[in-house]
N, C-alpha and C. Protein backbone atom coordinates (compact mmCIF):
# COMPACT_ATOMS: atom_id res chain seq x y z
N MET A 1 0.92 -0.84 0.18
CA MET A 1 -0.02 0.15 -0.16
C MET A 1 1.15 1.58 0.46
N THR A 2 0.16 2.21 -1.01
CA THR A 2 1.04 3.82 -1.15
C THR A 2 0.27 4.53 -0.25
N ARG A 3 1.27 5.26 0.77
CA ARG A 3 0.64 5.99 1.70
C ARG A 3 1.40 7.18 1.20
N PRO A 4 -0.16 8.25 1.75
CA PRO A 4 0.10 9.43 1.01
C PRO A 4 1.22 9.84 1.84
N PRO A 5 1.81 11.60 0.90
CA PRO A 5 2.62 12.23 1.29
C PRO A 5 1.92 13.42 3.06
N TYR A 6 0.91 13.22 2.97
CA TYR A 6 0.53 14.04 4.28
C TYR A 6 0.10 13.12 5.45
N PRO A 7 -1.21 13.73 6.40
CA PRO A 7 -1.20 12.33 7.28
C PRO A 7 -2.75 12.07 7.01
N VAL A 8 -3.31 11.45 7.36
CA VAL A 8 -4.44 10.59 7.80
C VAL A 8 -5.68 10.43 8.91
N ILE A 9 -6.40 10.69 8.50
CA ILE A 9 -7.24 10.69 10.25
C ILE A 9 -8.56 10.62 10.37
N ASP A 10 -8.27 9.42 11.32
CA ASP A 10 -9.99 8.81 10.32
C ASP A 10 -11.25 9.51 11.47
N ALA A 11 -11.83 10.12 11.15
CA ALA A 11 -12.63 10.96 11.95
C ALA A 11 -14.15 10.56 11.69
N HIS A 12 -14.30 8.93 11.85
CA HIS A 12 -15.45 8.57 12.48
C HIS A 12 -15.16 7.08 13.10
N THR A 13 -14.14 6.93 14.16
CA THR A 13 -14.03 5.77 14.83
C THR A 13 -14.97 5.20 15.79
N HIS A 14 -15.89 4.63 15.85
CA HIS A 14 -17.18 3.68 16.94
C HIS A 14 -15.63 3.17 17.54
N ILE A 15 -15.85 3.47 18.90
CA ILE A 15 -15.41 2.71 19.79
C ILE A 15 -16.24 2.35 21.04
N MET A 16 -16.77 1.21 21.27
CA MET A 16 -18.07 1.80 22.18
C MET A 16 -17.32 -0.05 23.31
N PRO A 17 -18.27 -0.01 25.05
CA PRO A 17 -17.95 -1.35 25.56
C PRO A 17 -18.84 -2.68 25.09
N TRP A 18 -18.03 -3.44 24.32
CA TRP A 18 -18.61 -4.56 23.59
C TRP A 18 -19.92 -5.14 24.71
N ASP A 19 -19.16 -5.56 25.89
CA ASP A 19 -19.66 -5.94 27.10
C ASP A 19 -20.92 -5.65 27.19
N GLN A 20 -21.35 -4.70 26.76
CA GLN A 20 -23.26 -4.08 26.91
C GLN A 20 -24.53 -4.36 26.32
N ILE A 21 -23.30 -4.94 25.06
CA ILE A 21 -24.64 -5.06 24.04
C ILE A 21 -25.71 -5.89 24.00
N ARG A 22 -26.91 -5.94 23.79
CA ARG A 22 -28.06 -7.01 23.78
C ARG A 22 -27.72 -7.90 22.78
N PRO A 23 -27.97 -8.86 23.51
CA PRO A 23 -27.70 -10.32 22.98
C PRO A 23 -28.00 -10.71 21.06
N ASP A 24 -29.50 -9.65 21.61
CA ASP A 24 -29.65 -9.77 19.50
C ASP A 24 -28.69 -9.24 18.94
N ALA A 25 -28.87 -7.75 19.38
CA ALA A 25 -27.57 -6.69 18.44
C ALA A 25 -26.31 -7.81 17.91
N SER A 26 -25.34 -8.16 19.17
CA SER A 26 -23.81 -8.91 19.06
C SER A 26 -24.86 -10.21 17.81
N ALA A 27 -25.60 -11.10 18.20
CA ALA A 27 -25.94 -12.30 17.13
C ALA A 27 -25.70 -11.25 15.73
N THR A 28 -26.33 -10.33 15.71
CA THR A 28 -26.37 -9.21 14.44
C THR A 28 -25.12 -9.85 13.90
N MET A 29 -24.62 -8.38 14.54
CA MET A 29 -22.80 -7.71 14.07
C MET A 29 -21.17 -9.36 14.43
N SER A 30 -21.85 -9.95 15.26
CA SER A 30 -21.01 -11.31 15.46
C SER A 30 -20.68 -12.53 14.05
N ASN A 31 -21.72 -12.04 13.76
CA ASN A 31 -21.88 -12.77 12.28
C ASN A 31 -20.45 -12.62 11.32
N ARG A 32 -19.78 -11.50 11.49
CA ARG A 32 -18.34 -10.99 10.51
C ARG A 32 -17.11 -11.66 10.69
N PRO A 33 -16.54 -12.14 9.94
CA PRO A 33 -15.26 -13.00 10.16
C PRO A 33 -14.16 -12.11 10.48
N ASP A 34 -14.32 -10.46 10.97
CA ASP A 34 -13.24 -9.70 11.41
C ASP A 34 -13.79 -9.86 12.86
N PHE A 35 -15.31 -10.17 13.25
CA PHE A 35 -15.67 -9.67 15.24
C PHE A 35 -14.60 -9.93 16.23
N ALA A 36 -14.09 -10.92 16.11
CA ALA A 36 -12.37 -11.56 17.09
C ALA A 36 -12.11 -9.55 17.49
N ASP A 37 -11.17 -9.41 15.98
CA ASP A 37 -10.22 -8.51 16.11
C ASP A 37 -11.41 -7.42 16.73
N ILE A 38 -12.01 -6.90 16.08
CA ILE A 38 -13.27 -5.40 16.56
C ILE A 38 -12.83 -5.72 18.31
N LEU A 39 -13.45 -7.43 19.20
CA LEU A 39 -13.49 -6.90 20.25
C LEU A 39 -12.19 -6.69 20.96
N ALA A 40 -11.01 -6.73 20.12
CA ALA A 40 -9.87 -7.27 20.69
C ALA A 40 -9.24 -4.98 20.27
N ILE A 41 -9.56 -4.97 19.32
CA ILE A 41 -8.96 -3.64 19.20
C ILE A 41 -10.27 -2.21 19.34
N SER A 42 -11.51 -2.62 20.12
CA SER A 42 -11.60 -1.95 20.44
C SER A 42 -11.82 -1.75 22.39
N SER A 43 -11.51 -2.73 22.64
CA SER A 43 -10.80 -3.35 24.32
C SER A 43 -9.14 -2.60 24.57
N ASP A 44 -8.66 -2.61 24.04
CA ASP A 44 -7.16 -2.53 23.91
C ASP A 44 -6.75 -1.09 23.48
N PRO A 45 -6.39 -0.16 23.99
CA PRO A 45 -5.82 0.99 22.95
C PRO A 45 -4.60 0.90 22.86
N ASP A 46 -3.90 -0.28 23.14
CA ASP A 46 -2.31 -0.31 22.30
C ASP A 46 -3.03 -0.68 20.77
N ARG A 47 -3.23 -2.05 21.13
CA ARG A 47 -4.22 -2.21 19.45
C ARG A 47 -4.45 -1.46 19.26
N LEU A 48 -5.42 -1.14 19.37
CA LEU A 48 -5.71 0.32 18.27
C LEU A 48 -4.91 1.05 17.53
N ILE A 49 -4.01 1.84 18.29
CA ILE A 49 -3.16 2.62 17.71
C ILE A 49 -1.98 1.12 17.42
N ARG A 50 -2.15 0.69 17.43
CA ARG A 50 -1.39 -0.69 16.19
C ARG A 50 -2.00 -0.81 15.07
N TYR A 51 -3.62 -1.14 14.93
CA TYR A 51 -4.05 -1.21 13.52
C TYR A 51 -4.21 0.11 13.54
N MET A 52 -4.37 1.22 14.35
CA MET A 52 -4.23 2.78 13.31
C MET A 52 -2.92 3.29 12.16
N HIS A 53 -1.94 2.77 13.16
CA HIS A 53 -0.58 2.92 11.67
C HIS A 53 0.04 1.84 10.94
N ALA A 54 -0.73 0.12 10.99
CA ALA A 54 -0.74 -0.33 10.25
C ALA A 54 -1.67 0.04 8.91
N CYS A 55 -3.19 0.61 9.71
CA CYS A 55 -4.01 1.40 7.70
C CYS A 55 -3.09 2.66 7.38
N GLY A 56 -2.37 2.58 8.41
CA GLY A 56 -1.59 4.80 7.92
C GLY A 56 -2.08 5.82 8.56
N VAL A 57 -3.21 5.51 9.22
CA VAL A 57 -3.91 6.58 9.82
C VAL A 57 -3.28 6.67 11.06
N SER A 58 -2.28 8.41 11.56
CA SER A 58 -2.31 8.74 12.22
C SER A 58 -3.32 9.38 13.79
N HIS A 59 -4.11 9.67 13.24
CA HIS A 59 -5.27 10.32 14.17
C HIS A 59 -6.26 10.24 14.07
N THR A 60 -6.90 9.65 15.32
CA THR A 60 -8.59 9.24 15.06
C THR A 60 -9.19 10.24 16.00
N VAL A 61 -10.59 10.77 15.59
CA VAL A 61 -11.80 10.90 16.56
C VAL A 61 -12.83 9.98 17.01
N LEU A 62 -12.19 9.74 18.14
CA LEU A 62 -13.65 8.15 18.69
C LEU A 62 -14.43 8.47 18.29
N ILE A 63 -16.11 8.17 18.65
CA ILE A 63 -16.73 8.33 18.03
C ILE A 63 -18.15 6.85 19.35
N ASN A 64 -18.98 7.52 20.19
CA ASN A 64 -20.17 6.37 20.22
C ASN A 64 -21.05 6.77 20.15
N TYR A 65 -22.31 6.10 20.30
CA TYR A 65 -23.99 6.87 20.85
C TYR A 65 -24.46 5.91 21.73
N LEU A 66 -25.24 6.73 22.46
CA LEU A 66 -26.73 5.66 23.16
C LEU A 66 -27.41 5.23 22.95
N SER A 67 -27.77 3.86 22.93
CA SER A 67 -28.46 3.36 22.83
C SER A 67 -29.02 2.11 23.47
N PRO A 68 -29.80 2.58 24.53
CA PRO A 68 -30.17 1.24 25.83
C PRO A 68 -31.37 0.39 25.45
N ASP A 69 -31.63 1.06 24.47
CA ASP A 69 -33.04 0.05 24.08
C ASP A 69 -33.09 -0.94 22.63
N VAL A 70 -32.53 -0.19 21.74
CA VAL A 70 -32.47 -1.15 20.51
C VAL A 70 -30.49 -1.59 20.84
N VAL A 71 -29.65 -1.29 21.03
CA VAL A 71 -28.00 -1.89 20.95
C VAL A 71 -28.50 -2.73 22.79
N GLY A 72 -28.24 -1.82 23.68
CA GLY A 72 -28.12 -2.01 24.59
C GLY A 72 -26.93 -1.11 25.28
N PHE A 73 -26.53 0.43 25.06
CA PHE A 73 -25.41 1.19 25.25
C PHE A 73 -26.19 2.35 26.29
N THR A 74 -25.96 2.57 27.02
CA THR A 74 -25.76 3.24 28.32
C THR A 74 -25.24 4.29 27.97
N GLU A 75 -25.29 4.79 28.87
CA GLU A 75 -23.80 6.47 29.49
C GLU A 75 -22.75 6.12 29.44
N GLU A 76 -22.52 5.09 29.64
CA GLU A 76 -21.28 4.91 30.57
C GLU A 76 -20.20 4.19 29.52
N THR A 77 -21.32 4.27 28.37
CA THR A 77 -20.57 4.13 26.94
C THR A 77 -19.28 5.47 26.87
N ASN A 78 -19.55 6.47 27.09
CA ASN A 78 -18.59 7.84 27.44
C ASN A 78 -18.06 7.82 28.19
N ASP A 79 -17.96 7.27 29.80
CA ASP A 79 -16.86 7.08 30.07
C ASP A 79 -16.25 6.00 29.43
N TYR A 80 -16.46 4.99 29.45
CA TYR A 80 -15.64 4.10 27.87
C TYR A 80 -14.32 4.81 27.66
N SER A 81 -15.13 5.39 26.38
CA SER A 81 -14.54 6.23 25.24
C SER A 81 -13.59 7.50 26.05
N VAL A 82 -13.61 8.05 26.67
CA VAL A 82 -12.91 8.88 27.60
C VAL A 82 -11.94 8.11 28.19
N LYS A 83 -11.73 6.80 28.50
CA LYS A 83 -10.46 5.94 29.07
C LYS A 83 -10.04 5.34 28.22
N ILE A 84 -10.56 4.60 26.98
CA ILE A 84 -9.87 4.42 25.61
C ILE A 84 -8.80 6.02 24.79
N GLY A 85 -9.63 6.96 24.79
CA GLY A 85 -9.00 8.22 24.57
C GLY A 85 -7.91 8.95 25.65
N GLU A 86 -7.98 8.69 26.83
CA GLU A 86 -6.88 9.02 27.55
C GLU A 86 -5.54 8.00 27.42
N ARG A 87 -5.71 7.38 26.96
CA ARG A 87 -4.34 6.00 26.58
C ARG A 87 -3.85 6.46 25.37
N LEU A 88 -4.50 7.39 24.24
CA LEU A 88 -4.11 7.45 22.93
C LEU A 88 -3.12 8.33 23.29
N PRO A 89 -2.04 8.91 21.92
CA PRO A 89 -1.50 9.86 22.42
C PRO A 89 -1.64 11.27 21.06
N GLY A 90 -1.72 12.75 22.35
CA GLY A 90 -1.97 13.88 21.35
C GLY A 90 -3.23 13.61 20.55
């Protein structure tokens, strides 16, 4: 892969606590062949950074959403994102 001569910023990175997800929503998402990787990357800031760098991304903007009735994510999702973000450089 050829890297561009400028920094790449991913301004739409969903990061959330997968242990909050409702079983029906999890069943839908867990069919992805890369689901285990998504879980690992979402819970480990160091792995997230390694993955970003491997993809040529220099910075990311973490986002999440609250959806307790549909997916299961409560306001604790915001705290989770803050904890992950605190571990990321700059």
